[in-house]
C-alpha atoms as a PDB file:
ATOM      1  CA  UNK A   1      25.774  10.960  21.618  1.00  0.00           C
ATOM      2  CA  UNK A   2      21.757  11.236  21.288  1.00  0.00           C
ATOM      3  CA  UNK A   3      19.641   9.471  18.868  1.00  0.00           C
ATOM      4  CA  UNK A   4      17.809  11.424  16.450  1.00  0.00           C
ATOM      5  CA  UNK A   5      14.157  10.466  16.124  1.00  0.00           C
ATOM      6  CA  UNK A   6      12.265  10.138  13.028  1.00  0.00           C
ATOM      7  CA  UNK A   7       9.721  12.666  12.666  1.00  0.00           C
ATOM      8  CA  UNK A   8       7.298  10.674  10.947  1.00  0.00           C
ATOM      9  CA  UNK A   9       6.515   7.357  12.287  1.00  0.00           C
ATOM     10  CA  UNK A  10       5.633   4.644   9.867  1.00  0.00           C
ATOM     11  CA  UNK A  11       2.375   2.636  10.779  1.00  0.00           C
ATOM     12  CA  UNK A  12       2.629  -0.937   9.958  1.00  0.00           C
ATOM     13  CA  UNK A  13      -0.595  -2.747   8.908  1.00  0.00           C
ATOM     14  CA  UNK A  14      -0.885  -6.565   9.051  1.00  0.00           C
ATOM     15  CA  UNK A  15      -2.474  -8.644   6.412  1.00  0.00           C
ATOM     16  CA  UNK A  16      -5.407  -9.370   8.290  1.00  0.00           C
ATOM     17  CA  UNK A  17      -6.172  -5.680   8.487  1.00  0.00           C
ATOM     18  CA  UNK A  18      -5.271  -5.084   4.971  1.00  0.00           C
ATOM     19  CA  UNK A  19      -7.966  -7.629   3.958  1.00  0.00           C
ATOM     20  CA  UNK A  20     -10.475  -5.723   6.521  1.00  0.00           C
ATOM     21  CA  UNK A  21      -9.510  -2.274   5.096  1.00  0.00           C
ATOM     22  CA  UNK A  22     -10.504  -3.345   1.378  1.00  0.00           C
ATOM     23  CA  UNK A  23     -13.359  -5.845   2.419  1.00  0.00           C
ATOM     24  CA  UNK A  24     -11.587  -8.826   0.673  1.00  0.00           C
ATOM     25  CA  UNK A  25      -9.941 -12.280   1.923  1.00  0.00           C
ATOM     26  CA  UNK A  26      -6.725 -12.948   3.040  1.00  0.00           C
ATOM     27  CA  UNK A  27      -6.440 -15.156   0.061  1.00  0.00           C
ATOM     28  CA  UNK A  28      -7.532 -12.034  -2.330  1.00  0.00           C
ATOM     29  CA  UNK A  29      -4.573 -10.347  -0.441  1.00  0.00           C
ATOM     30  CA  UNK A  30      -2.275 -12.994  -1.553  1.00  0.00           C
ATOM     31  CA  UNK A  31      -3.609 -12.893  -4.947  1.00  0.00           C
ATOM     32  CA  UNK A  32      -3.405  -9.219  -5.460  1.00  0.00           C
ATOM     33  CA  UNK A  33      -0.132  -9.295  -4.160  1.00  0.00           C
ATOM     34  CA  UNK A  34       1.115 -11.904  -6.571  1.00  0.00           C
ATOM     35  CA  UNK A  35      -0.590 -10.054  -9.547  1.00  0.00           C
ATOM     36  CA  UNK A  36       1.041  -6.712  -8.564  1.00  0.00           C
ATOM     37  CA  UNK A  37      -2.118  -5.031  -7.465  1.00  0.00           C
ATOM     38  CA  UNK A  38      -0.996  -4.143  -3.924  1.00  0.00           C
ATOM     39  CA  UNK A  39       2.364  -2.656  -3.184  1.00  0.00           C
ATOM     40  CA  UNK A  40       4.532  -4.866  -1.615  1.00  0.00           C
ATOM     41  CA  UNK A  41       4.819  -5.392   2.047  1.00  0.00           C
ATOM     42  CA  UNK A  42       7.494  -3.615   4.099  1.00  0.00           C
ATOM     43  CA  UNK A  43       8.093  -6.167   6.437  1.00  0.00           C
ATOM     44  CA  UNK A  44       7.682  -9.894   7.108  1.00  0.00           C
ATOM     45  CA  UNK A  45       7.821 -11.477  10.554  1.00  0.00           C
ATOM     46  CA  UNK A  46       6.779 -14.952  11.361  1.00  0.00           C
ATOM     47  CA  UNK A  47       5.111 -14.994   7.878  1.00  0.00           C
ATOM     48  CA  UNK A  48       2.962 -12.239   8.603  1.00  0.00           C
ATOM     49  CA  UNK A  49       3.230  -9.315   5.959  1.00  0.00           C
ATOM     50  CA  UNK A  50       3.177  -5.566   7.245  1.00  0.00           C
ATOM     51  CA  UNK A  51       2.245  -2.813   4.738  1.00  0.00           C
ATOM     52  CA  UNK A  52       3.250   0.769   5.375  1.00  0.00           C
ATOM     53  CA  UNK A  53      -0.054   2.870   6.009  1.00  0.00           C
ATOM     54  CA  UNK A  54       1.243   5.953   4.039  1.00  0.00           C
ATOM     55  CA  UNK A  55       1.857   3.445   1.034  1.00  0.00           C
ATOM     56  CA  UNK A  56      -1.640   2.166   1.276  1.00  0.00           C
ATOM     57  CA  UNK A  57      -3.153   5.595   1.437  1.00  0.00           C
ATOM     58  CA  UNK A  58      -1.015   6.576  -1.614  1.00  0.00           C
ATOM     59  CA  UNK A  59      -2.553   3.148  -3.174  1.00  0.00           C
ATOM     60  CA  UNK A  60      -6.227   4.179  -2.328  1.00  0.00           C
ATOM     61  CA  UNK A  61      -5.530   7.891  -3.654  1.00  0.00           C
ATOM     62  CA  UNK A  62      -4.333   5.881  -7.114  1.00  0.00           C
ATOM     63  CA  UNK A  63      -7.624   3.839  -7.056  1.00  0.00           C
ATOM     64  CA  UNK A  64      -9.678   6.795  -6.610  1.00  0.00           C
ATOM     65  CA  UNK A  65      -8.048   8.858  -9.622  1.00  0.00           C
ATOM     66  CA  UNK A  66      -8.407   5.776 -11.816  1.00  0.00           C
ATOM     67  CA  UNK A  67     -11.851   5.262 -11.027  1.00  0.00           C
ATOM     68  CA  UNK A  68     -12.579   8.968 -11.294  1.00  0.00           C
ATOM     69  CA  UNK A  69     -10.599   8.789 -14.973  1.00  0.00           C
ATOM     70  CA  UNK A  70     -12.669   6.014 -16.239  1.00  0.00           C
ATOM     71  CA  UNK A  71     -15.801   7.590 -15.630  1.00  0.00           C
ATOM     72  CA  UNK A  72     -14.301  10.616 -17.363  1.00  0.00           C
ATOM     73  CA  UNK A  73     -12.899   8.408 -20.358  1.00  0.00           C
ATOM     74  CA  UNK A  74      -9.248   8.895 -19.637  1.00  0.00           C
ATOM     75  CA  UNK A  75      -6.854   5.768 -20.250  1.00  0.00           C
ATOM     76  CA  UNK A  76      -4.713   4.439 -17.537  1.00  0.00           C
ATOM     77  CA  UNK A  77      -1.525   5.368 -18.963  1.00  0.00           C
ATOM     78  CA  UNK A  78      -2.089   9.077 -18.399  1.00  0.00           C
ATOM     79  CA  UNK A  79      -2.736   8.504 -14.635  1.00  0.00           C
ATOM     80  CA  UNK A  80       0.716   8.815 -12.628  1.00  0.00           C
ATOM     81  CA  UNK A  81       1.738   6.028 -10.735  1.00  0.00           C
ATOM     82  CA  UNK A  82       2.403   6.363  -6.831  1.00  0.00           C
ATOM     83  CA  UNK A  83       6.263   5.957  -6.235  1.00  0.00           C
ATOM     84  CA  UNK A  84       7.556   3.794  -3.694  1.00  0.00           C
ATOM     85  CA  UNK A  85      10.188   4.949  -1.224  1.00  0.00           C
ATOM     86  CA  UNK A  86      12.550   2.629   0.566  1.00  0.00           C
ATOM     87  CA  UNK A  87      13.409   4.779   3.460  1.00  0.00           C
ATOM     88  CA  UNK A  88      10.904   3.287   5.712  1.00  0.00           C
ATOM     89  CA  UNK A  89      11.529   2.721   9.657  1.00  0.00           C
ATOM     90  CA  UNK A  90      11.024  -0.805  10.741  1.00  0.00           C
END
C-alpha cells in the first residue's frame, strides 16, 4: 500500500520569524495572539508556536484590504474576513 502525498506542503513559521515578519517583538506577538489580531498557531512544540505560512499570507492580504478600505472610507464590517481551515499537515 502506498502513501498518498499532500500536493501542498504547509510551511510552519515559528514565533521568532513571525515577529521578524511584522517587525515586532515576540512580546507583541503574544499580545496580538491574546487580542485575537493574529490567527491562532497550528502547532506548539516545547512552548514554541508555529503558524501556517498560508494563513499568515491570508492575514497579510486582509490587513492590506483593510488599510485600502480605510483610505477609501469603507468600514471594517464590509471587508470579508479570511477563513481558517483545519486541514493542515503537521
